[in-house]
Amino acid sequence: MNLQQRITRLEALEDIRQLKHRYLNACDLKQVEVITDCFAEGEVLIDYGPLGVFRERDSFVALYRELACHARVIDLHHGANPEIEWLNEDEAQGRWALWYFNLDGESGATRQLGGFYQDRYQRIAGQWKIVATRFTAHSQVARS
């Protein structure tokens, strides 16, 4: 790679990190518009296992709104250990570890979940978007 390609690659990797962090933070802050904007328009793949498989962002966001957008629901999403592979100027893929904690502020019930995201990203009109994401859990603890 020449110097310009290396700079382009480094900028893309940082933009993708920022995209994923923006998504996770928006989930915690219940910023529905920001969550929506993290995904590409049109056909995408959002596979969140038991929560469902979604082929476009709006159906996923509708479920998110139904489950999470309540004052009693307190979520903490921590994405770590990113392994992002830049494929070309417009495509990348990545794996992220997730540590998730949920508290029901009314009942006190808690849930801790660990697992991995496998993502695909595409640069669309100069901005990186998530075009596919699959979450696989490997641990879960729930307390009433």
Protein backbone atom coordinates (compact mmCIF):
# COMPACT_ATOMS: atom_id res chain seq x y z
CA MET A 1 0.00 0.00 0.00
CA ASN A 2 1.16 3.47 -0.73
CA LEU A 3 0.97 6.23 1.86
CA GLN A 4 -2.43 7.53 0.71
CA GLN A 5 -3.96 4.04 0.83
CA ARG A 6 -2.57 3.52 4.32
CA ILE A 7 -4.05 6.83 5.50
CA THR A 8 -7.40 5.97 3.88
CA ARG A 9 -7.37 2.59 5.63
CA LEU A 10 -6.52 4.10 9.03
CA GLU A 11 -9.24 6.74 8.68
CA ALA A 12 -11.77 4.06 7.72
CA LEU A 13 -10.86 1.90 10.72
CA GLU A 14 -11.30 4.87 13.08
CA ASP A 15 -14.59 5.87 11.43
CA ILE A 16 -15.89 2.31 11.92
CA ARG A 17 -14.82 2.30 15.59
CA GLN A 18 -16.67 5.59 16.07
CA LEU A 19 -19.73 4.16 14.29
CA LYS A 20 -19.91 1.13 16.58
CA HIS A 21 -19.36 3.21 19.72
CA ARG A 22 -22.02 5.69 18.55
CA TYR A 23 -24.44 2.78 18.10
CA LEU A 24 -23.74 1.28 21.54
CA ASN A 25 -23.97 4.67 23.27
CA ALA A 26 -27.20 5.50 21.45
CA CYS A 27 -28.69 2.20 22.65
CA ASP A 28 -27.86 3.18 26.25
CA LEU A 29 -29.15 6.73 25.81
CA LYS A 30 -32.28 5.60 23.91
CA GLN A 31 -31.43 7.81 20.94
CA VAL A 32 -33.61 6.07 18.38
CA GLU A 33 -32.71 8.38 15.48
CA VAL A 34 -28.99 7.84 16.07
CA ILE A 35 -29.47 4.06 16.22
CA THR A 36 -31.41 4.17 12.95
CA ASP A 37 -28.72 6.25 11.26
CA CYS A 38 -25.98 3.74 12.17
CA PHE A 39 -27.53 1.23 9.74
CA ALA A 40 -27.75 1.47 5.97
CA GLU A 41 -31.10 2.21 4.42
CA GLY A 42 -32.83 -0.59 2.55
CA GLU A 43 -31.92 -4.23 2.95
CA VAL A 44 -29.64 -5.08 5.86
CA LEU A 45 -29.22 -8.12 8.09
CA ILE A 46 -29.66 -7.69 11.83
CA ASP A 47 -29.54 -11.09 13.53
CA TYR A 48 -29.91 -10.79 17.28
CA GLY A 49 -30.76 -14.44 17.89
CA PRO A 50 -33.70 -14.83 20.28
CA LEU A 51 -34.70 -11.18 19.76
CA GLY A 52 -35.18 -11.81 16.06
CA VAL A 53 -33.76 -11.47 12.57
CA PHE A 54 -34.50 -8.22 10.77
CA ARG A 55 -34.02 -7.49 7.07
CA GLU A 56 -34.29 -3.71 7.35
CA ARG A 57 -33.49 -1.26 10.10
CA ASP A 58 -36.98 0.09 10.82
CA SER A 59 -38.41 -3.22 12.07
CA PHE A 60 -35.43 -3.63 14.40
CA VAL A 61 -35.77 -0.05 15.68
CA ALA A 62 -39.50 -0.63 16.30
CA LEU A 63 -38.68 -3.61 18.54
CA TYR A 64 -35.92 -1.63 20.28
CA ARG A 65 -38.38 1.19 20.96
CA GLU A 66 -40.94 -1.29 22.38
CA LEU A 67 -38.46 -3.10 24.66
CA ALA A 68 -36.00 -0.42 25.74
CA CYS A 69 -37.54 3.04 25.55
CA HIS A 70 -38.96 3.09 29.06
CA ALA A 71 -37.67 5.04 32.06
CA ARG A 72 -37.39 1.84 34.11
CA VAL A 73 -35.04 0.20 31.55
CA ILE A 74 -31.38 0.98 32.19
CA ASP A 75 -28.89 -0.52 29.74
CA LEU A 76 -25.11 -0.51 29.55
CA HIS A 77 -23.48 -1.77 26.34
CA HIS A 78 -19.69 -2.05 26.39
CA GLY A 79 -18.05 -3.02 23.10
CA ALA A 80 -14.41 -4.03 23.31
CA ASN A 81 -11.60 -5.87 21.57
CA PRO A 82 -12.47 -4.78 18.04
CA GLU A 83 -10.92 -6.73 15.18
CA ILE A 84 -11.73 -4.70 12.09
CA GLU A 85 -10.63 -5.87 8.67
CA TRP A 86 -10.58 -3.22 5.95
CA LEU A 87 -11.45 -5.01 2.71
CA ASN A 88 -11.37 -2.02 0.36
CA GLU A 89 -12.27 1.66 0.35
CA ASP A 90 -15.97 0.87 0.67
CA GLU A 91 -16.18 -2.41 2.61
CA ALA A 92 -15.01 -3.76 5.95
CA GLN A 93 -15.92 -6.40 8.49
CA GLY A 94 -15.36 -6.72 12.18
CA ARG A 95 -15.77 -8.64 15.39
CA TRP A 96 -16.51 -6.98 18.73
CA ALA A 97 -16.88 -8.40 22.21
CA LEU A 98 -19.93 -7.14 24.08
CA TRP A 99 -20.53 -6.89 27.81
CA TYR A 100 -24.15 -5.91 28.39
CA PHE A 101 -25.88 -5.10 31.67
CA ASN A 102 -29.59 -4.42 32.07
CA LEU A 103 -31.42 -3.17 35.15
CA ASP A 104 -35.16 -2.88 35.59
CA GLY A 105 -35.35 0.23 37.75
CA GLU A 106 -38.78 -0.71 39.10
CA SER A 107 -38.33 -4.36 40.01
CA GLY A 108 -34.56 -4.40 40.54
CA ALA A 109 -34.18 -7.37 38.19
CA THR A 110 -30.81 -7.52 36.45
CA ARG A 111 -29.39 -9.32 33.45
CA GLN A 112 -25.78 -9.57 32.34
CA LEU A 113 -24.92 -10.84 28.91
CA GLY A 114 -21.62 -11.47 27.16
CA GLY A 115 -20.99 -12.34 23.54
CA PHE A 116 -19.72 -11.26 20.15
CA TYR A 117 -20.91 -9.12 17.29
CA GLN A 118 -19.88 -10.07 13.74
CA ASP A 119 -20.44 -7.00 11.57
CA ARG A 120 -20.14 -5.97 7.94
CA TYR A 121 -19.76 -2.30 7.08
CA GLN A 122 -20.14 -0.37 3.86
CA ARG A 123 -19.19 3.19 3.02
CA ILE A 124 -22.26 4.84 1.52
CA ALA A 125 -22.15 8.43 0.30
CA GLY A 126 -18.90 8.91 2.22
CA GLN A 127 -20.18 7.52 5.55
CA TRP A 128 -19.66 4.08 7.06
CA LYS A 129 -22.87 2.19 7.88
CA ILE A 130 -23.64 -1.21 9.34
CA VAL A 131 -25.06 -3.45 6.61
CA ALA A 132 -25.01 -6.71 8.57
CA THR A 133 -24.66 -7.59 12.23
CA ARG A 134 -25.02 -10.86 14.07
CA PHE A 135 -24.82 -11.17 17.85
CA THR A 136 -23.99 -14.49 19.46
CA ALA A 137 -24.21 -14.75 23.24
CA HIS A 138 -21.82 -16.95 25.17
CA SER A 139 -22.84 -16.13 28.74
CA GLN A 140 -25.87 -14.82 30.56
CA VAL A 141 -26.80 -14.26 34.19
CA ALA A 142 -30.25 -13.07 35.26
CA ARG A 143 -31.42 -12.18 38.75
CA SER A 144 -34.91 -11.28 39.91
